[in-house]
Amino acid sequence: MQILAIRPEAGGRTLARFDLQLVDGVRLYNLKLTEKADGRRRVFAPSAFGYPAATFTTEIAEQIVRAAGVALGENPSERTAD
Protein backbone atom coordinates (compact mmCIF):
# COMPACT_ATOMS: atom_id res chain seq x y z
CA MET A 1 0.00 0.00 0.00
CA GLN A 2 1.16 3.51 -0.77
CA ILE A 3 0.03 6.97 0.32
CA LEU A 4 -0.30 8.96 -2.91
CA ALA A 5 -0.88 12.34 -1.26
CA ILE A 6 -1.55 13.56 2.26
CA ARG A 7 -3.04 16.86 3.39
CA PRO A 8 -2.57 17.64 7.11
CA GLU A 9 -5.44 19.47 8.84
CA ALA A 10 -5.08 21.74 11.83
CA GLY A 11 -7.49 21.70 14.74
CA GLY A 12 -10.22 19.28 15.69
CA ARG A 13 -9.91 15.51 15.69
CA THR A 14 -9.09 15.21 11.99
CA LEU A 15 -5.31 14.97 11.55
CA ALA A 16 -5.20 14.64 7.76
CA ARG A 17 -6.97 13.69 4.57
CA PHE A 18 -5.13 11.44 2.14
CA ASP A 19 -5.24 9.35 -1.01
CA LEU A 20 -4.19 5.70 -0.91
CA GLN A 21 -3.28 3.01 -3.42
CA LEU A 22 -3.63 -0.58 -2.28
CA VAL A 23 -1.26 -3.28 -3.53
CA ASP A 24 -3.77 -4.62 -6.03
CA GLY A 25 -4.09 -1.26 -7.79
CA VAL A 26 -7.25 -0.05 -6.05
CA ARG A 27 -7.11 3.68 -5.28
CA LEU A 28 -9.10 5.39 -2.54
CA TYR A 29 -9.33 9.17 -2.36
CA ASN A 30 -10.01 11.64 0.45
CA LEU A 31 -9.70 9.19 3.35
CA LYS A 32 -9.76 10.84 6.78
CA LEU A 33 -7.29 10.14 9.59
CA THR A 34 -8.69 11.03 13.02
CA GLU A 35 -7.43 10.84 16.57
CA LYS A 36 -9.74 9.97 19.47
CA ALA A 37 -9.49 11.65 22.88
CA ASP A 38 -7.52 8.67 24.21
CA GLY A 39 -4.89 8.99 21.44
CA ARG A 40 -6.05 6.06 19.30
CA ARG A 41 -6.32 6.71 15.58
CA ARG A 42 -8.93 5.68 13.05
CA VAL A 43 -9.35 5.93 9.32
CA PHE A 44 -12.62 6.68 7.53
CA ALA A 45 -13.62 6.60 3.88
CA PRO A 46 -15.86 9.35 2.49
CA SER A 47 -19.62 8.87 2.59
CA ALA A 48 -21.89 8.34 -0.40
CA PHE A 49 -25.62 8.86 0.06
CA GLY A 50 -25.18 8.77 3.83
CA TYR A 51 -23.24 5.50 3.97
CA PRO A 52 -19.48 4.76 4.00
CA ALA A 53 -18.09 4.37 0.48
CA ALA A 54 -15.63 1.77 1.83
CA THR A 55 -14.90 -0.03 5.08
CA PHE A 56 -11.78 -1.80 6.30
CA THR A 57 -11.00 -4.84 8.41
CA THR A 58 -9.21 -4.07 11.66
CA GLU A 59 -5.91 -5.35 10.24
CA ILE A 60 -6.12 -3.26 7.07
CA ALA A 61 -7.21 -0.17 9.03
CA GLU A 62 -4.15 -0.55 11.29
CA GLN A 63 -1.86 -0.75 8.25
CA ILE A 64 -3.48 2.33 6.71
CA VAL A 65 -3.17 4.30 9.97
CA ARG A 66 0.53 3.38 10.21
CA ALA A 67 1.17 4.33 6.56
CA ALA A 68 -0.57 7.68 7.03
CA GLY A 69 1.49 8.36 10.16
CA VAL A 70 4.70 7.66 8.25
CA ALA A 71 3.53 9.98 5.45
CA LEU A 72 3.05 12.66 8.12
CA GLY A 73 6.67 12.14 9.18
CA GLU A 74 6.09 10.02 12.29
CA ASN A 75 8.19 7.08 13.42
CA PRO A 76 5.94 3.98 13.16
CA SER A 77 7.59 2.28 16.14
CA GLU A 78 6.55 5.13 18.46
CA ARG A 79 2.81 4.55 18.29
CA THR A 80 0.20 1.86 17.90
CA ALA A 81 -2.98 2.10 15.82
CA ASP A 82 -6.60 1.61 16.90
PDB file of N, CA and C in Angstrom:
ATOM      1  N   MET A   1       0.840  -1.168   0.000  1.00  0.00           N
ATOM      2  CA  MET A   1       0.000   0.000   0.000  1.00  0.00           C
ATOM      3  C   MET A   1       0.883   1.228   0.000  1.00  0.00           C
ATOM      4  N   GLN A   2       0.364   2.299  -0.615  1.00  0.00           N
ATOM      5  CA  GLN A   2       1.159   3.514  -0.771  1.00  0.00           C
ATOM      6  C   GLN A   2       0.265   4.740  -0.598  1.00  0.00           C
ATOM      7  N   ILE A   3       0.722   5.691   0.196  1.00  0.00           N
ATOM      8  CA  ILE A   3       0.025   6.967   0.325  1.00  0.00           C
ATOM      9  C   ILE A   3       0.417   7.801  -0.897  1.00  0.00           C
ATOM     10  N   LEU A   4      -0.564   8.182  -1.698  1.00  0.00           N
ATOM     11  CA  LEU A   4      -0.302   8.959  -2.908  1.00  0.00           C
ATOM     12  C   LEU A   4      -0.147  10.434  -2.602  1.00  0.00           C
ATOM     13  N   ALA A   5      -0.945  10.933  -1.676  1.00  0.00           N
ATOM     14  CA  ALA A   5      -0.884  12.342  -1.264  1.00  0.00           C
ATOM     15  C   ALA A   5      -1.499  12.432   0.123  1.00  0.00           C
ATOM     16  N   ILE A   6      -0.989  13.362   0.917  1.00  0.00           N
ATOM     17  CA  ILE A   6      -1.545  13.563   2.262  1.00  0.00           C
ATOM     18  C   ILE A   6      -1.637  15.059   2.516  1.00  0.00           C
ATOM     19  N   ARG A   7      -2.769  15.457   3.132  1.00  0.00           N
ATOM     20  CA  ARG A   7      -3.037  16.858   3.387  1.00  0.00           C
ATOM     21  C   ARG A   7      -3.344  17.040   4.876  1.00  0.00           C
ATOM     22  N   PRO A   8      -2.333  17.459   5.673  1.00  0.00           N
ATOM     23  CA  PRO A   8      -2.573  17.640   7.113  1.00  0.00           C
ATOM     24  C   PRO A   8      -3.666  18.690   7.350  1.00  0.00           C
ATOM     25  N   GLU A   9      -4.422  18.507   8.426  1.00  0.00           N
ATOM     26  CA  GLU A   9      -5.444  19.466   8.836  1.00  0.00           C
ATOM     27  C   GLU A   9      -5.147  19.915  10.256  1.00  0.00           C
ATOM     28  N   ALA A  10      -5.342  21.187  10.505  1.00  0.00           N
ATOM     29  CA  ALA A  10      -5.078  21.741  11.832  1.00  0.00           C
ATOM     30  C   ALA A  10      -6.380  21.874  12.604  1.00  0.00           C
ATOM     31  N   GLY A  11      -6.327  21.535  13.878  1.00  0.00           N
ATOM     32  CA  GLY A  11      -7.489  21.695  14.743  1.00  0.00           C
ATOM     33  C   GLY A  11      -8.471  20.547  14.627  1.00  0.00           C
ATOM     34  N   GLY A  12      -9.228  20.341  15.679  1.00  0.00           N
ATOM     35  CA  GLY A  12     -10.219  19.279  15.691  1.00  0.00           C
ATOM     36  C   GLY A  12      -9.587  17.909  15.783  1.00  0.00           C
ATOM     37  N   ARG A  13     -10.393  16.884  15.587  1.00  0.00           N
ATOM     38  CA  ARG A  13      -9.908  15.511  15.687  1.00  0.00           C
ATOM     39  C   ARG A  13      -9.338  14.983  14.380  1.00  0.00           C
ATOM     40  N   THR A  14      -9.617  15.661  13.272  1.00  0.00           N
ATOM     41  CA  THR A  14      -9.086  15.214  11.991  1.00  0.00           C
ATOM     42  C   THR A  14      -7.637  15.652  11.871  1.00  0.00           C
ATOM     43  N   LEU A  15      -6.733  14.681  11.681  1.00  0.00           N
ATOM     44  CA  LEU A  15      -5.310  14.970  11.550  1.00  0.00           C
ATOM     45  C   LEU A  15      -4.925  15.238  10.105  1.00  0.00           C
ATOM     46  N   ALA A  16      -5.560  14.501   9.170  1.00  0.00           N
ATOM     47  CA  ALA A  16      -5.197  14.641   7.762  1.00  0.00           C
ATOM     48  C   ALA A  16      -6.246  13.987   6.883  1.00  0.00           C
ATOM     49  N   ARG A  17      -6.237  14.373   5.634  1.00  0.00           N
ATOM     50  CA  ARG A  17      -6.970  13.692   4.566  1.00  0.00           C
ATOM     51  C   ARG A  17      -5.912  13.183   3.604  1.00  0.00           C
ATOM     52  N   PHE A  18      -6.165  12.017   3.007  1.00  0.00           N
ATOM     53  CA  PHE A  18      -5.134  11.444   2.144  1.00  0.00           C
ATOM     54  C   PHE A  18      -5.722  10.523   1.094  1.00  0.00           C
ATOM     55  N   ASP A  19      -4.898  10.252   0.084  1.00  0.00           N
ATOM     56  CA  ASP A  19      -5.239   9.348  -1.008  1.00  0.00           C
ATOM     57  C   ASP A  19      -4.333   8.134  -0.895  1.00  0.00           C
ATOM     58  N   LEU A  20      -4.883   6.952  -1.156  1.00  0.00           N
ATOM     59  CA  LEU A  20      -4.193   5.700  -0.907  1.00  0.00           C
ATOM     60  C   LEU A  20      -4.320   4.775  -2.103  1.00  0.00           C
ATOM     61  N   GLN A  21      -3.231   4.094  -2.438  1.00  0.00           N
ATOM     62  CA  GLN A  21      -3.285   3.015  -3.425  1.00  0.00           C
ATOM     63  C   GLN A  21      -2.958   1.720  -2.726  1.00  0.00           C
ATOM     64  N   LEU A  22      -3.857   0.740  -2.858  1.00  0.00           N
ATOM     65  CA  LEU A  22      -3.633  -0.582  -2.284  1.00  0.00           C
ATOM     66  C   LEU A  22      -2.751  -1.392  -3.224  1.00  0.00           C
ATOM     67  N   VAL A  23      -2.209  -2.483  -2.738  1.00  0.00           N
ATOM     68  CA  VAL A  23      -1.261  -3.282  -3.526  1.00  0.00           C
ATOM     69  C   VAL A  23      -1.865  -3.837  -4.806  1.00  0.00           C
ATOM     70  N   ASP A  24      -3.156  -4.048  -4.830  1.00  0.00           N
ATOM     71  CA  ASP A  24      -3.770  -4.621  -6.026  1.00  0.00           C
ATOM     72  C   ASP A  24      -4.211  -3.558  -7.027  1.00  0.00           C
ATOM     73  N   GLY A  25      -3.795  -2.312  -6.841  1.00  0.00           N
ATOM     74  CA  GLY A  25      -4.091  -1.256  -7.787  1.00  0.00           C
ATOM     75  C   GLY A  25      -5.345  -0.459  -7.489  1.00  0.00           C
ATOM     76  N   VAL A  26      -6.064  -0.800  -6.428  1.00  0.00           N
ATOM     77  CA  VAL A  26      -7.252  -0.047  -6.048  1.00  0.00           C
ATOM     78  C   VAL A  26      -6.810   1.269  -5.414  1.00  0.00           C
ATOM     79  N   ARG A  27      -7.419   2.368  -5.861  1.00  0.00           N
ATOM     80  CA  ARG A  27      -7.109   3.676  -5.279  1.00  0.00           C
ATOM     81  C   ARG A  27      -8.325   4.210  -4.542  1.00  0.00           C
ATOM     82  N   LEU A  28      -8.058   4.783  -3.368  1.00  0.00           N
ATOM     83  CA  LEU A  28      -9.096   5.394  -2.545  1.00  0.00           C
ATOM     84  C   LEU A  28      -8.695   6.841  -2.292  1.00  0.00           C
ATOM     85  N   TYR A  29      -9.630   7.752  -2.478  1.00  0.00           N
ATOM     86  CA  TYR A  29      -9.326   9.173  -2.362  1.00  0.00           C
ATOM     87  C   TYR A  29     -10.071   9.801  -1.193  1.00  0.00           C
ATOM     88  N   ASN A  30      -9.430  10.810  -0.604  1.00  0.00           N
ATOM     89  CA  ASN A  30     -10.006  11.636   0.451  1.00  0.00           C
ATOM     90  C   ASN A  30     -10.374  10.842   1.704  1.00  0.00           C
ATOM     91  N   LEU A  31      -9.521   9.884   2.075  1.00  0.00           N
ATOM     92  CA  LEU A  31      -9.696   9.192   3.353  1.00  0.00           C
ATOM     93  C   LEU A  31      -9.380  10.166   4.477  1.00  0.00           C
ATOM     94  N   LYS A  32      -9.960   9.932   5.645  1.00  0.00           N
ATOM     95  CA  LYS A  32      -9.763  10.840   6.783  1.00  0.00           C
ATOM     96  C   LYS A  32      -9.087  10.096   7.922  1.00  0.00           C
ATOM     97  N   LEU A  33      -7.992  10.664   8.429  1.00  0.00           N
ATOM     98  CA  LEU A  33      -7.287  10.136   9.593  1.00  0.00           C
ATOM     99  C   LEU A  33      -7.695  10.980  10.795  1.00  0.00           C
ATOM    100  N   THR A  34      -8.268  10.318  11.819  1.00  0.00           N
ATOM    101  CA  THR A  34      -8.695  11.029  13.017  1.00  0.00           C
ATOM    102  C   THR A  34      -7.985  10.479  14.239  1.00  0.00           C
ATOM    103  N   GLU A  35      -7.995  11.276  15.299  1.00  0.00           N
ATOM    104  CA  GLU A  35      -7.433  10.838  16.570  1.00  0.00           C
ATOM    105  C   GLU A  35      -8.485  11.014  17.650  1.00  0.00           C
ATOM    106  N   LYS A  36      -8.755   9.937  18.388  1.00  0.00           N
ATOM    107  CA  LYS A  36      -9.737   9.967  19.475  1.00  0.00           C
ATOM    108  C   LYS A  36      -9.122  10.643  20.695  1.00  0.00           C
ATOM    109  N   ALA A  37      -9.952  10.974  21.654  1.00  0.00           N
ATOM    110  CA  ALA A  37      -9.495  11.653  22.875  1.00  0.00           C
ATOM    111  C   ALA A  37      -8.441  10.848  23.619  1.00  0.00           C
ATOM    112  N   ASP A  38      -8.493   9.507  23.510  1.00  0.00           N
ATOM    113  CA  ASP A  38      -7.517   8.669  24.213  1.00  0.00           C
ATOM    114  C   ASP A  38      -6.240   8.438  23.407  1.00  0.00           C
ATOM    115  N   GLY A  39      -6.111   9.094  22.247  1.00  0.00           N
ATOM    116  CA  GLY A  39      -4.893   8.988  21.445  1.00  0.00           C
ATOM    117  C   GLY A  39      -4.936   7.944  20.347  1.00  0.00           C
ATOM    118  N   ARG A  40      -5.954   7.074  20.360  1.00  0.00           N
ATOM    119  CA  ARG A  40      -6.049   6.063  19.304  1.00  0.00           C
ATOM    120  C   ARG A  40      -6.473   6.722  18.000  1.00  0.00           C
ATOM    121  N   ARG A  41      -6.022   6.158  16.901  1.00  0.00           N
ATOM    122  CA  ARG A  41      -6.317   6.713  15.585  1.00  0.00           C
ATOM    123  C   ARG A  41      -7.221   5.795  14.790  1.00  0.00           C
ATOM    124  N   ARG A  42      -8.015   6.418  13.921  1.00  0.00           N
ATOM    125  CA  ARG A  42      -8.926   5.676  13.048  1.00  0.00           C
ATOM    126  C   ARG A  42      -8.873   6.263  11.654  1.00  0.00           C
ATOM    127  N   VAL A  43      -9.288   5.468  10.698  1.00  0.00           N
ATOM    128  CA  VAL A  43      -9.352   5.931   9.319  1.00  0.00           C
ATOM    129  C   VAL A  43     -10.782   5.736   8.811  1.00  0.00           C
ATOM    130  N   PHE A  44     -11.260   6.723   8.065  1.00  0.00           N
ATOM    131  CA  PHE A  44     -12.616   6.683   7.527  1.00  0.00           C
ATOM    132  C   PHE A  44     -12.589   6.998   6.039  1.00  0.00           C
ATOM    133  N   ALA A  45     -13.420   6.282   5.284  1.00  0.00           N
ATOM    134  CA  ALA A  45     -13.622   6.595   3.876  1.00  0.00           C
ATOM    135  C   ALA A  45     -14.726   7.646   3.779  1.00  0.00           C
ATOM    136  N   PRO A  46     -14.779   8.385   2.672  1.00  0.00           N
ATOM    137  CA  PRO A  46     -15.861   9.352   2.491  1.00  0.00           C
ATOM    138  C   PRO A  46     -17.224   8.641   2.456  1.00  0.00           C
ATOM    139  N   SER A  47     -18.267   9.410   2.654  1.00  0.00           N
ATOM    140  CA  SER A  47     -19.619   8.870   2.589  1.00  0.00           C
ATOM    141  C   SER A  47     -20.220   9.095   1.206  1.00  0.00           C
ATOM    142  N   ALA A  48     -21.118   8.202   0.825  1.00  0.00           N
ATOM    143  CA  ALA A  48     -21.888   8.336  -0.401  1.00  0.00           C
ATOM    144  C   ALA A  48     -23.347   8.044  -0.055  1.00  0.00           C
ATOM    145  N   PHE A  49     -24.200   9.017  -0.243  1.00  0.00           N
ATOM    146  CA  PHE A  49     -25.620   8.865   0.059  1.00  0.00           C
ATOM    147  C   PHE A  49     -25.856   8.476   1.514  1.00  0.00           C
ATOM    148  N   GLY A  50     -25.014   9.006   2.412  1.00  0.00           N
ATOM    149  CA  GLY A  50     -25.180   8.774   3.835  1.00  0.00           C
ATOM    150  C   GLY A  50     -24.564   7.503   4.384  1.00  0.00           C
ATOM    151  N   TYR A  51     -23.871   6.755   3.540  1.00  0.00           N
ATOM    152  CA  TYR A  51     -23.235   5.502   3.965  1.00  0.00           C
ATOM    153  C   TYR A  51     -21.760   5.520   3.595  1.00  0.00           C
ATOM    154  N   PRO A  52     -20.913   4.793   4.347  1.00  0.00           N
ATOM    155  CA  PRO A  52     -19.484   4.758   4.000  1.00  0.00           C
ATOM    156  C   PRO A  52     -19.282   4.194   2.589  1.00  0.00           C
ATOM    157  N   ALA A  53     -18.404   4.845   1.831  1.00  0.00           N
ATOM    158  CA  ALA A  53     -18.089   4.373   0.476  1.00  0.00           C
ATOM    159  C   ALA A  53     -17.195   3.132   0.533  1.00  0.00           C
ATOM    160  N   ALA A  54     -16.494   2.940   1.642  1.00  0.00           N
ATOM    161  CA  ALA A  54     -15.632   1.768   1.828  1.00  0.00           C
ATOM    162  C   ALA A  54     -15.475   1.538   3.323  1.00  0.00           C
ATOM    163  N   THR A  55     -15.230   0.292   3.695  1.00  0.00           N
ATOM    164  CA  THR A  55     -14.899  -0.034   5.082  1.00  0.00           C
ATOM    165  C   THR A  55     -13.669  -0.931   5.061  1.00  0.00           C
ATOM    166  N   PHE A  56     -13.032  -1.060   6.217  1.00  0.00           N
ATOM    167  CA  PHE A  56     -11.778  -1.801   6.300  1.00  0.00           C
ATOM    168  C   PHE A  56     -11.819  -2.779   7.466  1.00  0.00           C
ATOM    169  N   THR A  57     -11.181  -3.931   7.285  1.00  0.00           N
ATOM    170  CA  THR A  57     -11.005  -4.837   8.412  1.00  0.00           C
ATOM    171  C   THR A  57     -10.076  -4.161   9.412  1.00  0.00           C
ATOM    172  N   THR A  58     -10.070  -4.641  10.628  1.00  0.00           N
ATOM    173  CA  THR A  58      -9.205  -4.066  11.660  1.00  0.00           C
ATOM    174  C   THR A  58      -7.746  -4.095  11.226  1.00  0.00           C
ATOM    175  N   GLU A  59      -7.317  -5.211  10.648  1.00  0.00           N
ATOM    176  CA  GLU A  59      -5.913  -5.354  10.235  1.00  0.00           C
ATOM    177  C   GLU A  59      -5.537  -4.357   9.140  1.00  0.00           C
ATOM    178  N   ILE A  60      -6.398  -4.204   8.148  1.00  0.00           N
ATOM    179  CA  ILE A  60      -6.124  -3.259   7.066  1.00  0.00           C
ATOM    180  C   ILE A  60      -6.159  -1.829   7.593  1.00  0.00           C
ATOM    181  N   ALA A  61      -7.125  -1.513   8.451  1.00  0.00           N
ATOM    182  CA  ALA A  61      -7.211  -0.173   9.032  1.00  0.00           C
ATOM    183  C   ALA A  61      -5.939   0.169   9.798  1.00  0.00           C
ATOM    184  N   GLU A  62      -5.397  -0.788  10.555  1.00  0.00           N
ATOM    185  CA  GLU A  62      -4.150  -0.545  11.291  1.00  0.00           C
ATOM    186  C   GLU A  62      -2.999  -0.257  10.338  1.00  0.00           C
ATOM    187  N   GLN A  63      -2.920  -0.994   9.245  1.00  0.00           N
ATOM    188  CA  GLN A  63      -1.862  -0.755   8.254  1.00  0.00           C
ATOM    189  C   GLN A  63      -2.009   0.624   7.614  1.00  0.00           C
ATOM    190  N   ILE A  64      -3.236   1.013   7.318  1.00  0.00           N
ATOM    191  CA  ILE A  64      -3.477   2.330   6.710  1.00  0.00           C
ATOM    192  C   ILE A  64      -3.101   3.438   7.682  1.00  0.00           C
ATOM    193  N   VAL A  65      -3.499   3.299   8.957  1.00  0.00           N
ATOM    194  CA  VAL A  65      -3.166   4.304   9.967  1.00  0.00           C
ATOM    195  C   VAL A  65      -1.649   4.445  10.103  1.00  0.00           C
ATOM    196  N   ARG A  66      -0.937   3.312  10.125  1.00  0.00           N
ATOM    197  CA  ARG A  66       0.535   3.377  10.212  1.00  0.00           C
ATOM    198  C   ARG A  66       1.130   4.066   8.991  1.00  0.00           C
ATOM    199  N   ALA A  67       0.654   3.724   7.802  1.00  0.00           N
ATOM    200  CA  ALA A  67       1.173   4.330   6.565  1.00  0.00           C
ATOM    201  C   ALA A  67       0.908   5.829   6.539  1.00  0.00           C
ATOM    202  N   ALA A  68      -0.264   6.248   6.986  1.00  0.00           N
ATOM    203  CA  ALA A  68      -0.574   7.676   7.027  1.00  0.00           C
ATOM    204  C   ALA A  68       0.326   8.394   8.029  1.00  0.00           C
ATOM    205  N   GLY A  69       0.581   7.767   9.169  1.00  0.00           N
ATOM    206  CA  GLY A  69       1.493   8.360  10.156  1.00  0.00           C
ATOM    207  C   GLY A  69       2.885   8.547   9.594  1.00  0.00           C
ATOM    208  N   VAL A  70       3.380   7.551   8.880  1.00  0.00           N
ATOM    209  CA  VAL A  70       4.704   7.655   8.250  1.00  0.00           C
ATOM    210  C   VAL A  70       4.698   8.794   7.220  1.00  0.00           C
ATOM    211  N   ALA A  71       3.621   8.901   6.443  1.00  0.00           N
ATOM    212  CA  ALA A  71       3.528   9.975   5.449  1.00  0.00           C
ATOM    213  C   ALA A  71       3.504  11.349   6.112  1.00  0.00           C
ATOM    214  N   LEU A  72       3.034  11.403   7.356  1.00  0.00           N
ATOM    215  CA  LEU A  72       3.048  12.655   8.119  1.00  0.00           C
ATOM    216  C   LEU A  72       4.393  12.905   8.794  1.00  0.00           C
ATOM    217  N   GLY A  73       5.333  11.967   8.628  1.00  0.00           N
ATOM    218  CA  GLY A  73       6.672  12.137   9.180  1.00  0.00           C
ATOM    219  C   GLY A  73       6.877  11.527  10.543  1.00  0.00           C
ATOM    220  N   GLU A  74       5.968  10.646  10.975  1.00  0.00           N
ATOM    221  CA  GLU A  74       6.090  10.019  12.286  1.00  0.00           C
ATOM    222  C   GLU A  74       6.885   8.727  12.196  1.00  0.00           C
ATOM    223  N   ASN A  75       7.481   8.349  13.311  1.00  0.00           N
ATOM    224  CA  ASN A  75       8.194   7.079  13.415  1.00  0.00           C
ATOM    225  C   ASN A  75       7.172   6.000  13.767  1.00  0.00           C
ATOM    226  N   PRO A  76       6.984   4.979  12.908  1.00  0.00           N
ATOM    227  CA  PRO A  76       5.936   3.980  13.160  1.00  0.00           C
ATOM    228  C   PRO A  76       6.139   3.157  14.424  1.00  0.00           C
ATOM    229  N   SER A  77       7.348   3.078  14.933  1.00  0.00           N
ATOM    230  CA  SER A  77       7.593   2.284  16.137  1.00  0.00           C
ATOM    231  C   SER A  77       7.189   3.035  17.407  1.00  0.00           C
ATOM    232  N   GLU A  78       6.882   4.334  17.290  1.00  0.00           N
ATOM    233  CA  GLU A  78       6.551   5.129  18.463  1.00  0.00           C
ATOM    234  C   GLU A  78       5.086   5.094  18.843  1.00  0.00           C
ATOM    235  N   ARG A  79       4.228   4.564  17.950  1.00  0.00           N
ATOM    236  CA  ARG A  79       2.807   4.547  18.289  1.00  0.00           C
ATOM    237  C   ARG A  79       2.135   3.294  17.769  1.00  0.00           C
ATOM    238  N   THR A  80       1.005   2.994  18.355  1.00  0.00           N
ATOM    239  CA  THR A  80       0.200   1.863  17.902  1.00  0.00           C
ATOM    240  C   THR A  80      -1.103   2.404  17.352  1.00  0.00           C
ATOM    241  N   ALA A  81      -1.728   1.674  16.444  1.00  0.00           N
ATOM    242  CA  ALA A  81      -2.983   2.097  15.824  1.00  0.00           C
ATOM    243  C   ALA A  81      -4.164   1.513  16.582  1.00  0.00           C
ATOM    244  N   ASP A  82      -5.335   2.103  16.329  1.00  0.00           N
ATOM    245  CA  ASP A  82      -6.597   1.611  16.896  1.00  0.00           C
ATOM    246  C   ASP A  82      -7.015   0.363  16.148  1.00  0.00           C
TER     247      ASP A  82
END
